[in-house]
mmCIF file of all heavy atoms, coordinates in Angstrom:
data_MODEL
# 
_entry.id   MODEL 
# 
loop_
_atom_site.group_PDB 
_atom_site.id 
_atom_site.type_symbol 
_atom_site.label_atom_id 
_atom_site.label_alt_id 
_atom_site.label_comp_id 
_atom_site.label_asym_id 
_atom_site.label_entity_id 
_atom_site.label_seq_id 
_atom_site.pdbx_PDB_ins_code 
_atom_site.Cartn_x 
_atom_site.Cartn_y 
_atom_site.Cartn_z 
_atom_site.occupancy 
_atom_site.B_iso_or_equiv 
_atom_site.pdbx_formal_charge 
_atom_site.auth_seq_id 
_atom_site.auth_comp_id 
_atom_site.auth_asym_id 
_atom_site.auth_atom_id 
_atom_site.pdbx_PDB_model_num 
ATOM 1   N N   . SER A 1 1  ? 31.793 -24.575 -5.803  1.00 0.00 ? 1  SER A N   1 
ATOM 2   C CA  . SER A 1 1  ? 32.486 -25.745 -5.247  1.00 0.00 ? 1  SER A CA  1 
ATOM 3   C C   . SER A 1 1  ? 33.633 -25.343 -4.333  1.00 0.00 ? 1  SER A C   1 
ATOM 4   O O   . SER A 1 1  ? 34.680 -24.877 -4.805  1.00 0.00 ? 1  SER A O   1 
ATOM 5   C CB  . SER A 1 1  ? 33.019 -26.628 -6.377  1.00 0.00 ? 1  SER A CB  1 
ATOM 6   O OG  . SER A 1 1  ? 33.756 -27.712 -5.850  1.00 0.00 ? 1  SER A OG  1 
ATOM 7   N N   . THR A 1 2  ? 33.459 -25.559 -3.033  1.00 0.00 ? 2  THR A N   1 
ATOM 8   C CA  . THR A 1 2  ? 34.558 -25.291 -2.099  1.00 0.00 ? 2  THR A CA  1 
ATOM 9   C C   . THR A 1 2  ? 35.680 -26.309 -2.274  1.00 0.00 ? 2  THR A C   1 
ATOM 10  O O   . THR A 1 2  ? 36.859 -25.957 -2.173  1.00 0.00 ? 2  THR A O   1 
ATOM 11  C CB  . THR A 1 2  ? 34.067 -25.322 -0.642  1.00 0.00 ? 2  THR A CB  1 
ATOM 12  O OG1 . THR A 1 2  ? 33.432 -26.581 -0.378  1.00 0.00 ? 2  THR A OG1 1 
ATOM 13  C CG2 . THR A 1 2  ? 33.082 -24.202 -0.385  1.00 0.00 ? 2  THR A CG2 1 
ATOM 14  N N   . SER A 1 3  ? 35.327 -27.551 -2.566  1.00 0.00 ? 3  SER A N   1 
ATOM 15  C CA  . SER A 1 3  ? 36.349 -28.592 -2.706  1.00 0.00 ? 3  SER A CA  1 
ATOM 16  C C   . SER A 1 3  ? 37.282 -28.301 -3.866  1.00 0.00 ? 3  SER A C   1 
ATOM 17  O O   . SER A 1 3  ? 38.517 -28.284 -3.722  1.00 0.00 ? 3  SER A O   1 
ATOM 18  C CB  . SER A 1 3  ? 35.693 -29.965 -2.911  1.00 0.00 ? 3  SER A CB  1 
ATOM 19  O OG  . SER A 1 3  ? 34.928 -30.327 -1.794  1.00 0.00 ? 3  SER A OG  1 
ATOM 20  N N   . PHE A 1 4  ? 36.720 -28.048 -5.057  1.00 0.00 ? 4  PHE A N   1 
ATOM 21  C CA  . PHE A 1 4  ? 37.562 -27.796 -6.214  1.00 0.00 ? 4  PHE A CA  1 
ATOM 22  C C   . PHE A 1 4  ? 38.257 -26.444 -6.104  1.00 0.00 ? 4  PHE A C   1 
ATOM 23  O O   . PHE A 1 4  ? 39.393 -26.283 -6.564  1.00 0.00 ? 4  PHE A O   1 
ATOM 24  C CB  . PHE A 1 4  ? 36.741 -27.896 -7.498  1.00 0.00 ? 4  PHE A CB  1 
ATOM 25  C CG  . PHE A 1 4  ? 36.384 -29.306 -7.870  1.00 0.00 ? 4  PHE A CG  1 
ATOM 26  C CD1 . PHE A 1 4  ? 35.057 -29.706 -7.904  1.00 0.00 ? 4  PHE A CD1 1 
ATOM 27  C CD2 . PHE A 1 4  ? 37.364 -30.241 -8.154  1.00 0.00 ? 4  PHE A CD2 1 
ATOM 28  C CE1 . PHE A 1 4  ? 34.715 -31.013 -8.219  1.00 0.00 ? 4  PHE A CE1 1 
ATOM 29  C CE2 . PHE A 1 4  ? 37.035 -31.554 -8.466  1.00 0.00 ? 4  PHE A CE2 1 
ATOM 30  C CZ  . PHE A 1 4  ? 35.711 -31.933 -8.503  1.00 0.00 ? 4  PHE A CZ  1 
ATOM 31  N N   . SER A 1 5  ? 37.609 -25.472 -5.475  1.00 0.00 ? 5  SER A N   1 
ATOM 32  C CA  . SER A 1 5  ? 38.235 -24.163 -5.306  1.00 0.00 ? 5  SER A CA  1 
ATOM 33  C C   . SER A 1 5  ? 39.510 -24.269 -4.472  1.00 0.00 ? 5  SER A C   1 
ATOM 34  O O   . SER A 1 5  ? 40.544 -23.692 -4.817  1.00 0.00 ? 5  SER A O   1 
ATOM 35  C CB  . SER A 1 5  ? 37.269 -23.186 -4.626  1.00 0.00 ? 5  SER A CB  1 
ATOM 36  O OG  . SER A 1 5  ? 36.169 -22.915 -5.449  1.00 0.00 ? 5  SER A OG  1 
ATOM 37  N N   . MET A 1 6  ? 39.428 -25.005 -3.382  1.00 0.00 ? 6  MET A N   1 
ATOM 38  C CA  . MET A 1 6  ? 40.603 -25.152 -2.519  1.00 0.00 ? 6  MET A CA  1 
ATOM 39  C C   . MET A 1 6  ? 41.702 -25.929 -3.227  1.00 0.00 ? 6  MET A C   1 
ATOM 40  O O   . MET A 1 6  ? 42.888 -25.624 -3.075  1.00 0.00 ? 6  MET A O   1 
ATOM 41  C CB  . MET A 1 6  ? 40.207 -25.829 -1.207  1.00 0.00 ? 6  MET A CB  1 
ATOM 42  C CG  . MET A 1 6  ? 39.301 -24.969 -0.344  1.00 0.00 ? 6  MET A CG  1 
ATOM 43  S SD  . MET A 1 6  ? 38.738 -25.773 1.170   1.00 0.00 ? 6  MET A SD  1 
ATOM 44  C CE  . MET A 1 6  ? 40.208 -25.674 2.175   1.00 0.00 ? 6  MET A CE  1 
ATOM 45  N N   . GLY A 1 7  ? 41.316 -26.914 -4.037  1.00 0.00 ? 7  GLY A N   1 
ATOM 46  C CA  . GLY A 1 7  ? 42.317 -27.661 -4.788  1.00 0.00 ? 7  GLY A CA  1 
ATOM 47  C C   . GLY A 1 7  ? 43.019 -26.789 -5.819  1.00 0.00 ? 7  GLY A C   1 
ATOM 48  O O   . GLY A 1 7  ? 44.247 -26.839 -5.967  1.00 0.00 ? 7  GLY A O   1 
ATOM 49  N N   . ILE A 1 8  ? 42.241 -25.961 -6.536  1.00 0.00 ? 8  ILE A N   1 
ATOM 50  C CA  . ILE A 1 8  ? 42.827 -25.117 -7.582  1.00 0.00 ? 8  ILE A CA  1 
ATOM 51  C C   . ILE A 1 8  ? 43.762 -24.075 -6.978  1.00 0.00 ? 8  ILE A C   1 
ATOM 52  O O   . ILE A 1 8  ? 44.794 -23.731 -7.575  1.00 0.00 ? 8  ILE A O   1 
ATOM 53  C CB  . ILE A 1 8  ? 41.710 -24.447 -8.414  1.00 0.00 ? 8  ILE A CB  1 
ATOM 54  C CG1 . ILE A 1 8  ? 40.944 -25.512 -9.209  1.00 0.00 ? 8  ILE A CG1 1 
ATOM 55  C CG2 . ILE A 1 8  ? 42.290 -23.413 -9.382  1.00 0.00 ? 8  ILE A CG2 1 
ATOM 56  C CD1 . ILE A 1 8  ? 39.697 -24.996 -9.906  1.00 0.00 ? 8  ILE A CD1 1 
ATOM 57  N N   . ARG A 1 9  ? 43.443 -23.570 -5.795  1.00 0.00 ? 9  ARG A N   1 
ATOM 58  C CA  . ARG A 1 9  ? 44.274 -22.542 -5.172  1.00 0.00 ? 9  ARG A CA  1 
ATOM 59  C C   . ARG A 1 9  ? 45.696 -23.015 -4.889  1.00 0.00 ? 9  ARG A C   1 
ATOM 60  O O   . ARG A 1 9  ? 46.606 -22.190 -4.773  1.00 0.00 ? 9  ARG A O   1 
ATOM 61  C CB  . ARG A 1 9  ? 43.639 -22.058 -3.867  1.00 0.00 ? 9  ARG A CB  1 
ATOM 62  C CG  . ARG A 1 9  ? 42.422 -21.181 -4.069  1.00 0.00 ? 9  ARG A CG  1 
ATOM 63  C CD  . ARG A 1 9  ? 41.968 -20.550 -2.768  1.00 0.00 ? 9  ARG A CD  1 
ATOM 64  N NE  . ARG A 1 9  ? 40.593 -20.099 -2.870  1.00 0.00 ? 9  ARG A NE  1 
ATOM 65  C CZ  . ARG A 1 9  ? 39.581 -20.591 -2.191  1.00 0.00 ? 9  ARG A CZ  1 
ATOM 66  N NH1 . ARG A 1 9  ? 39.776 -21.576 -1.330  1.00 0.00 ? 9  ARG A NH1 1 
ATOM 67  N NH2 . ARG A 1 9  ? 38.362 -20.112 -2.355  1.00 0.00 ? 9  ARG A NH2 1 
ATOM 68  N N   . VAL A 1 10 ? 45.893 -24.312 -4.750  1.00 0.00 ? 10 VAL A N   1 
ATOM 69  C CA  . VAL A 1 10 ? 47.245 -24.798 -4.457  1.00 0.00 ? 10 VAL A CA  1 
ATOM 70  C C   . VAL A 1 10 ? 47.979 -25.254 -5.712  1.00 0.00 ? 10 VAL A C   1 
ATOM 71  O O   . VAL A 1 10 ? 49.117 -25.723 -5.630  1.00 0.00 ? 10 VAL A O   1 
ATOM 72  C CB  . VAL A 1 10 ? 47.229 -25.925 -3.396  1.00 0.00 ? 10 VAL A CB  1 
ATOM 73  C CG1 . VAL A 1 10 ? 46.596 -25.439 -2.111  1.00 0.00 ? 10 VAL A CG1 1 
ATOM 74  C CG2 . VAL A 1 10 ? 46.507 -27.162 -3.908  1.00 0.00 ? 10 VAL A CG2 1 
ATOM 75  N N   . PHE A 1 11 ? 47.349 -25.120 -6.896  1.00 0.00 ? 11 PHE A N   1 
ATOM 76  C CA  . PHE A 1 11 ? 48.074 -25.347 -8.142  1.00 0.00 ? 11 PHE A CA  1 
ATOM 77  C C   . PHE A 1 11 ? 49.130 -24.258 -8.332  1.00 0.00 ? 11 PHE A C   1 
ATOM 78  O O   . PHE A 1 11 ? 48.998 -23.151 -7.803  1.00 0.00 ? 11 PHE A O   1 
ATOM 79  C CB  . PHE A 1 11 ? 47.132 -25.291 -9.352  1.00 0.00 ? 11 PHE A CB  1 
ATOM 80  C CG  . PHE A 1 11 ? 46.252 -26.492 -9.531  1.00 0.00 ? 11 PHE A CG  1 
ATOM 81  C CD1 . PHE A 1 11 ? 44.967 -26.355 -10.044 1.00 0.00 ? 11 PHE A CD1 1 
ATOM 82  C CD2 . PHE A 1 11 ? 46.691 -27.762 -9.194  1.00 0.00 ? 11 PHE A CD2 1 
ATOM 83  C CE1 . PHE A 1 11 ? 44.144 -27.448 -10.223 1.00 0.00 ? 11 PHE A CE1 1 
ATOM 84  C CE2 . PHE A 1 11 ? 45.873 -28.868 -9.367  1.00 0.00 ? 11 PHE A CE2 1 
ATOM 85  C CZ  . PHE A 1 11 ? 44.604 -28.710 -9.881  1.00 0.00 ? 11 PHE A CZ  1 
ATOM 86  N N   . ASP A 1 12 ? 50.138 -24.568 -9.125  1.00 0.00 ? 12 ASP A N   1 
ATOM 87  C CA  . ASP A 1 12 ? 51.034 -23.516 -9.598  1.00 0.00 ? 12 ASP A CA  1 
ATOM 88  C C   . ASP A 1 12 ? 50.189 -22.446 -10.286 1.00 0.00 ? 12 ASP A C   1 
ATOM 89  O O   . ASP A 1 12 ? 49.193 -22.746 -10.945 1.00 0.00 ? 12 ASP A O   1 
ATOM 90  C CB  . ASP A 1 12 ? 52.050 -24.102 -10.578 1.00 0.00 ? 12 ASP A CB  1 
ATOM 91  C CG  . ASP A 1 12 ? 53.116 -23.098 -10.961 1.00 0.00 ? 12 ASP A CG  1 
ATOM 92  O OD1 . ASP A 1 12 ? 52.837 -22.279 -11.861 1.00 0.00 ? 12 ASP A OD1 1 
ATOM 93  O OD2 . ASP A 1 12 ? 54.211 -23.133 -10.384 1.00 0.00 ? 12 ASP A OD2 1 
ATOM 94  N N   . LYS A 1 13 ? 50.591 -21.181 -10.151 1.00 0.00 ? 13 LYS A N   1 
ATOM 95  C CA  . LYS A 1 13 ? 49.796 -20.060 -10.668 1.00 0.00 ? 13 LYS A CA  1 
ATOM 96  C C   . LYS A 1 13 ? 49.458 -20.208 -12.147 1.00 0.00 ? 13 LYS A C   1 
ATOM 97  O O   . LYS A 1 13 ? 48.385 -19.779 -12.590 1.00 0.00 ? 13 LYS A O   1 
ATOM 98  C CB  . LYS A 1 13 ? 50.519 -18.742 -10.428 1.00 0.00 ? 13 LYS A CB  1 
ATOM 99  C CG  . LYS A 1 13 ? 50.535 -18.308 -8.968  1.00 0.00 ? 13 LYS A CG  1 
ATOM 100 C CD  . LYS A 1 13 ? 51.217 -16.959 -8.808  1.00 0.00 ? 13 LYS A CD  1 
ATOM 101 C CE  . LYS A 1 13 ? 51.203 -16.510 -7.348  1.00 0.00 ? 13 LYS A CE  1 
ATOM 102 N NZ  . LYS A 1 13 ? 51.879 -15.194 -7.172  1.00 0.00 ? 13 LYS A NZ  1 
ATOM 103 N N   . ARG A 1 14 ? 50.367 -20.805 -12.922 1.00 0.00 ? 14 ARG A N   1 
ATOM 104 C CA  . ARG A 1 14 ? 50.123 -20.887 -14.360 1.00 0.00 ? 14 ARG A CA  1 
ATOM 105 C C   . ARG A 1 14 ? 48.966 -21.828 -14.702 1.00 0.00 ? 14 ARG A C   1 
ATOM 106 O O   . ARG A 1 14 ? 48.379 -21.731 -15.781 1.00 0.00 ? 14 ARG A O   1 
ATOM 107 C CB  . ARG A 1 14 ? 51.392 -21.336 -15.094 1.00 0.00 ? 14 ARG A CB  1 
ATOM 108 C CG  . ARG A 1 14 ? 51.798 -22.794 -14.901 1.00 0.00 ? 14 ARG A CG  1 
ATOM 109 C CD  . ARG A 1 14 ? 53.155 -23.063 -15.538 1.00 0.00 ? 14 ARG A CD  1 
ATOM 110 N NE  . ARG A 1 14 ? 53.521 -24.467 -15.564 1.00 0.00 ? 14 ARG A NE  1 
ATOM 111 C CZ  . ARG A 1 14 ? 54.067 -25.121 -14.535 1.00 0.00 ? 14 ARG A CZ  1 
ATOM 112 N NH1 . ARG A 1 14 ? 54.292 -24.474 -13.381 1.00 0.00 ? 14 ARG A NH1 1 
ATOM 113 N NH2 . ARG A 1 14 ? 54.390 -26.406 -14.659 1.00 0.00 ? 14 ARG A NH2 1 
ATOM 114 N N   . PHE A 1 15 ? 48.633 -22.746 -13.777 1.00 0.00 ? 15 PHE A N   1 
ATOM 115 C CA  . PHE A 1 15 ? 47.556 -23.695 -14.034 1.00 0.00 ? 15 PHE A CA  1 
ATOM 116 C C   . PHE A 1 15 ? 46.188 -23.184 -13.590 1.00 0.00 ? 15 PHE A C   1 
ATOM 117 O O   . PHE A 1 15 ? 45.167 -23.721 -14.021 1.00 0.00 ? 15 PHE A O   1 
ATOM 118 C CB  . PHE A 1 15 ? 47.826 -25.028 -13.333 1.00 0.00 ? 15 PHE A CB  1 
ATOM 119 C CG  . PHE A 1 15 ? 48.986 -25.799 -13.892 1.00 0.00 ? 15 PHE A CG  1 
ATOM 120 C CD1 . PHE A 1 15 ? 49.878 -26.444 -13.045 1.00 0.00 ? 15 PHE A CD1 1 
ATOM 121 C CD2 . PHE A 1 15 ? 49.179 -25.894 -15.254 1.00 0.00 ? 15 PHE A CD2 1 
ATOM 122 C CE1 . PHE A 1 15 ? 50.942 -27.179 -13.555 1.00 0.00 ? 15 PHE A CE1 1 
ATOM 123 C CE2 . PHE A 1 15 ? 50.242 -26.611 -15.777 1.00 0.00 ? 15 PHE A CE2 1 
ATOM 124 C CZ  . PHE A 1 15 ? 51.126 -27.248 -14.928 1.00 0.00 ? 15 PHE A CZ  1 
ATOM 125 N N   . ARG A 1 16 ? 46.136 -22.188 -12.742 1.00 0.00 ? 16 ARG A N   1 
ATOM 126 C CA  . ARG A 1 16 ? 44.861 -21.788 -12.152 1.00 0.00 ? 16 ARG A CA  1 
ATOM 127 C C   . ARG A 1 16 ? 43.872 -21.223 -13.175 1.00 0.00 ? 16 ARG A C   1 
ATOM 128 O O   . ARG A 1 16 ? 42.726 -21.703 -13.229 1.00 0.00 ? 16 ARG A O   1 
ATOM 129 C CB  . ARG A 1 16 ? 45.096 -20.791 -11.010 1.00 0.00 ? 16 ARG A CB  1 
ATOM 130 C CG  . ARG A 1 16 ? 45.855 -21.398 -9.835  1.00 0.00 ? 16 ARG A CG  1 
ATOM 131 C CD  . ARG A 1 16 ? 46.173 -20.352 -8.790  1.00 0.00 ? 16 ARG A CD  1 
ATOM 132 N NE  . ARG A 1 16 ? 47.267 -20.790 -7.930  1.00 0.00 ? 16 ARG A NE  1 
ATOM 133 C CZ  . ARG A 1 16 ? 47.905 -20.002 -7.080  1.00 0.00 ? 16 ARG A CZ  1 
ATOM 134 N NH1 . ARG A 1 16 ? 47.548 -18.738 -6.962  1.00 0.00 ? 16 ARG A NH1 1 
ATOM 135 N NH2 . ARG A 1 16 ? 48.902 -20.480 -6.352  1.00 0.00 ? 16 ARG A NH2 1 
ATOM 136 N N   . PRO A 1 17 ? 44.232 -20.221 -13.981 1.00 0.00 ? 17 PRO A N   1 
ATOM 137 C CA  . PRO A 1 17 ? 43.240 -19.668 -14.927 1.00 0.00 ? 17 PRO A CA  1 
ATOM 138 C C   . PRO A 1 17 ? 42.656 -20.701 -15.893 1.00 0.00 ? 17 PRO A C   1 
ATOM 139 O O   . PRO A 1 17 ? 41.429 -20.736 -16.071 1.00 0.00 ? 17 PRO A O   1 
ATOM 140 C CB  . PRO A 1 17 ? 44.023 -18.567 -15.656 1.00 0.00 ? 17 PRO A CB  1 
ATOM 141 C CG  . PRO A 1 17 ? 45.087 -18.159 -14.693 1.00 0.00 ? 17 PRO A CG  1 
ATOM 142 C CD  . PRO A 1 17 ? 45.489 -19.424 -14.005 1.00 0.00 ? 17 PRO A CD  1 
ATOM 143 N N   . PRO A 1 18 ? 43.473 -21.575 -16.513 1.00 0.00 ? 18 PRO A N   1 
ATOM 144 C CA  . PRO A 1 18 ? 42.859 -22.543 -17.430 1.00 0.00 ? 18 PRO A CA  1 
ATOM 145 C C   . PRO A 1 18 ? 41.970 -23.561 -16.739 1.00 0.00 ? 18 PRO A C   1 
ATOM 146 O O   . PRO A 1 18 ? 40.945 -23.985 -17.305 1.00 0.00 ? 18 PRO A O   1 
ATOM 147 C CB  . PRO A 1 18 ? 44.054 -23.220 -18.108 1.00 0.00 ? 18 PRO A CB  1 
ATOM 148 C CG  . PRO A 1 18 ? 45.220 -22.967 -17.222 1.00 0.00 ? 18 PRO A CG  1 
ATOM 149 C CD  . PRO A 1 18 ? 44.955 -21.650 -16.581 1.00 0.00 ? 18 PRO A CD  1 
ATOM 150 N N   . ILE A 1 19 ? 42.293 -23.954 -15.508 1.00 0.00 ? 19 ILE A N   1 
ATOM 151 C CA  . ILE A 1 19 ? 41.436 -24.914 -14.807 1.00 0.00 ? 19 ILE A CA  1 
ATOM 152 C C   . ILE A 1 19 ? 40.143 -24.239 -14.352 1.00 0.00 ? 19 ILE A C   1 
ATOM 153 O O   . ILE A 1 19 ? 39.059 -24.843 -14.427 1.00 0.00 ? 19 ILE A O   1 
ATOM 154 C CB  . ILE A 1 19 ? 42.175 -25.564 -13.622 1.00 0.00 ? 19 ILE A CB  1 
ATOM 155 C CG1 . ILE A 1 19 ? 43.403 -26.335 -14.123 1.00 0.00 ? 19 ILE A CG1 1 
ATOM 156 C CG2 . ILE A 1 19 ? 41.244 -26.501 -12.858 1.00 0.00 ? 19 ILE A CG2 1 
ATOM 157 C CD1 . ILE A 1 19 ? 43.087 -27.435 -15.128 1.00 0.00 ? 19 ILE A CD1 1 
ATOM 158 N N   . TYR A 1 20 ? 40.222 -22.997 -13.920 1.00 0.00 ? 20 TYR A N   1 
ATOM 159 C CA  . TYR A 1 20 ? 38.991 -22.249 -13.643 1.00 0.00 ? 20 TYR A CA  1 
ATOM 160 C C   . TYR A 1 20 ? 38.128 -22.173 -14.906 1.00 0.00 ? 20 TYR A C   1 
ATOM 161 O O   . TYR A 1 20 ? 36.900 -22.289 -14.845 1.00 0.00 ? 20 TYR A O   1 
ATOM 162 C CB  . TYR A 1 20 ? 39.311 -20.830 -13.186 1.00 0.00 ? 20 TYR A CB  1 
ATOM 163 C CG  . TYR A 1 20 ? 39.777 -20.692 -11.757 1.00 0.00 ? 20 TYR A CG  1 
ATOM 164 C CD1 . TYR A 1 20 ? 40.906 -19.923 -11.446 1.00 0.00 ? 20 TYR A CD1 1 
ATOM 165 C CD2 . TYR A 1 20 ? 39.082 -21.285 -10.707 1.00 0.00 ? 20 TYR A CD2 1 
ATOM 166 C CE1 . TYR A 1 20 ? 41.336 -19.768 -10.130 1.00 0.00 ? 20 TYR A CE1 1 
ATOM 167 C CE2 . TYR A 1 20 ? 39.510 -21.142 -9.388  1.00 0.00 ? 20 TYR A CE2 1 
ATOM 168 C CZ  . TYR A 1 20 ? 40.636 -20.377 -9.107  1.00 0.00 ? 20 TYR A CZ  1 
ATOM 169 O OH  . TYR A 1 20 ? 41.060 -20.231 -7.803  1.00 0.00 ? 20 TYR A OH  1 
ATOM 170 N N   . ALA A 1 21 ? 38.765 -21.951 -16.048 1.00 0.00 ? 21 ALA A N   1 
ATOM 171 C CA  . ALA A 1 21 ? 38.023 -21.836 -17.313 1.00 0.00 ? 21 ALA A CA  1 
ATOM 172 C C   . ALA A 1 21 ? 37.305 -23.134 -17.656 1.00 0.00 ? 21 ALA A C   1 
ATOM 173 O O   . ALA A 1 21 ? 36.153 -23.115 -18.106 1.00 0.00 ? 21 ALA A O   1 
ATOM 174 C CB  . ALA A 1 21 ? 38.970 -21.435 -18.444 1.00 0.00 ? 21 ALA A CB  1 
ATOM 175 N N   . VAL A 1 22 ? 37.969 -24.269 -17.457 1.00 0.00 ? 22 VAL A N   1 
ATOM 176 C CA  . VAL A 1 22 ? 37.332 -25.567 -17.713 1.00 0.00 ? 22 VAL A CA  1 
ATOM 177 C C   . VAL A 1 22 ? 36.157 -25.763 -16.762 1.00 0.00 ? 22 VAL A C   1 
ATOM 178 O O   . VAL A 1 22 ? 35.064 -26.178 -17.176 1.00 0.00 ? 22 VAL A O   1 
ATOM 179 C CB  . VAL A 1 22 ? 38.360 -26.715 -17.564 1.00 0.00 ? 22 VAL A CB  1 
ATOM 180 C CG1 . VAL A 1 22 ? 37.653 -28.071 -17.582 1.00 0.00 ? 22 VAL A CG1 1 
ATOM 181 C CG2 . VAL A 1 22 ? 39.403 -26.651 -18.674 1.00 0.00 ? 22 VAL A CG2 1 
ATOM 182 N N   . TYR A 1 23 ? 36.367 -25.453 -15.478 1.00 0.00 ? 23 TYR A N   1 
ATOM 183 C CA  . TYR A 1 23 ? 35.280 -25.635 -14.511 1.00 0.00 ? 23 TYR A CA  1 
ATOM 184 C C   . TYR A 1 23 ? 34.096 -24.733 -14.836 1.00 0.00 ? 23 TYR A C   1 
ATOM 185 O O   . TYR A 1 23 ? 32.926 -25.173 -14.769 1.00 0.00 ? 23 TYR A O   1 
ATOM 186 C CB  . TYR A 1 23 ? 35.755 -25.359 -13.080 1.00 0.00 ? 23 TYR A CB  1 
ATOM 187 C CG  . TYR A 1 23 ? 34.672 -25.673 -12.061 1.00 0.00 ? 23 TYR A CG  1 
ATOM 188 C CD1 . TYR A 1 23 ? 34.562 -26.938 -11.510 1.00 0.00 ? 23 TYR A CD1 1 
ATOM 189 C CD2 . TYR A 1 23 ? 33.730 -24.703 -11.699 1.00 0.00 ? 23 TYR A CD2 1 
ATOM 190 C CE1 . TYR A 1 23 ? 33.545 -27.249 -10.614 1.00 0.00 ? 23 TYR A CE1 1 
ATOM 191 C CE2 . TYR A 1 23 ? 32.707 -25.008 -10.814 1.00 0.00 ? 23 TYR A CE2 1 
ATOM 192 C CZ  . TYR A 1 23 ? 32.633 -26.277 -10.262 1.00 0.00 ? 23 TYR A CZ  1 
ATOM 193 O OH  . TYR A 1 23 ? 31.611 -26.571 -9.393  1.00 0.00 ? 23 TYR A OH  1 
ATOM 194 N N   . GLY A 1 24 ? 34.350 -23.478 -15.169 1.00 0.00 ? 24 GLY A N   1 
ATOM 195 C CA  . GLY A 1 24 ? 33.257 -22.565 -15.494 1.00 0.00 ? 24 GLY A CA  1 
ATOM 196 C C   . GLY A 1 24 ? 32.429 -23.071 -16.656 1.00 0.00 ? 24 GLY A C   1 
ATOM 197 O O   . GLY A 1 24 ? 31.195 -23.011 -16.635 1.00 0.00 ? 24 GLY A O   1 
ATOM 198 N N   . PHE A 1 25 ? 33.099 -23.585 -17.670 1.00 0.00 ? 25 PHE A N   1 
ATOM 199 C CA  . PHE A 1 25 ? 32.411 -24.119 -18.840 1.00 0.00 ? 25 PHE A CA  1 
ATOM 200 C C   . PHE A 1 25 ? 31.520 -25.303 -18.470 1.00 0.00 ? 25 PHE A C   1 
ATOM 201 O O   . PHE A 1 25 ? 30.327 -25.332 -18.799 1.00 0.00 ? 25 PHE A O   1 
ATOM 202 C CB  . PHE A 1 25 ? 33.437 -24.535 -19.894 1.00 0.00 ? 25 PHE A CB  1 
ATOM 203 C CG  . PHE A 1 25 ? 32.872 -25.332 -21.030 1.00 0.00 ? 25 PHE A CG  1 
ATOM 204 C CD1 . PHE A 1 25 ? 32.079 -24.734 -21.995 1.00 0.00 ? 25 PHE A CD1 1 
ATOM 205 C CD2 . PHE A 1 25 ? 33.124 -26.697 -21.138 1.00 0.00 ? 25 PHE A CD2 1 
ATOM 206 C CE1 . PHE A 1 25 ? 31.536 -25.469 -23.045 1.00 0.00 ? 25 PHE A CE1 1 
ATOM 207 C CE2 . PHE A 1 25 ? 32.597 -27.443 -22.185 1.00 0.00 ? 25 PHE A CE2 1 
ATOM 208 C CZ  . PHE A 1 25 ? 31.794 -26.828 -23.139 1.00 0.00 ? 25 PHE A CZ  1 
ATOM 209 N N   . VAL A 1 26 ? 32.069 -26.290 -17.779 1.00 0.00 ? 26 VAL A N   1 
ATOM 210 C CA  . VAL A 1 26 ? 31.276 -27.483 -17.477 1.00 0.00 ? 26 VAL A CA  1 
ATOM 211 C C   . VAL A 1 26 ? 30.193 -27.180 -16.449 1.00 0.00 ? 26 VAL A C   1 
ATOM 212 O O   . VAL A 1 26 ? 29.110 -27.767 -16.483 1.00 0.00 ? 26 VAL A O   1 
ATOM 213 C CB  . VAL A 1 26 ? 32.169 -28.663 -17.025 1.00 0.00 ? 26 VAL A CB  1 
ATOM 214 C CG1 . VAL A 1 26 ? 33.189 -29.008 -18.103 1.00 0.00 ? 26 VAL A CG1 1 
ATOM 215 C CG2 . VAL A 1 26 ? 32.867 -28.391 -15.715 1.00 0.00 ? 26 VAL A CG2 1 
# 
């Protein structure tokens, strides 16, 4: 997903790994 990837990249660094983890799971 380019859309969600670009959105996650602009999160604060502390939020990126857990949101990637949720996306990978679903």
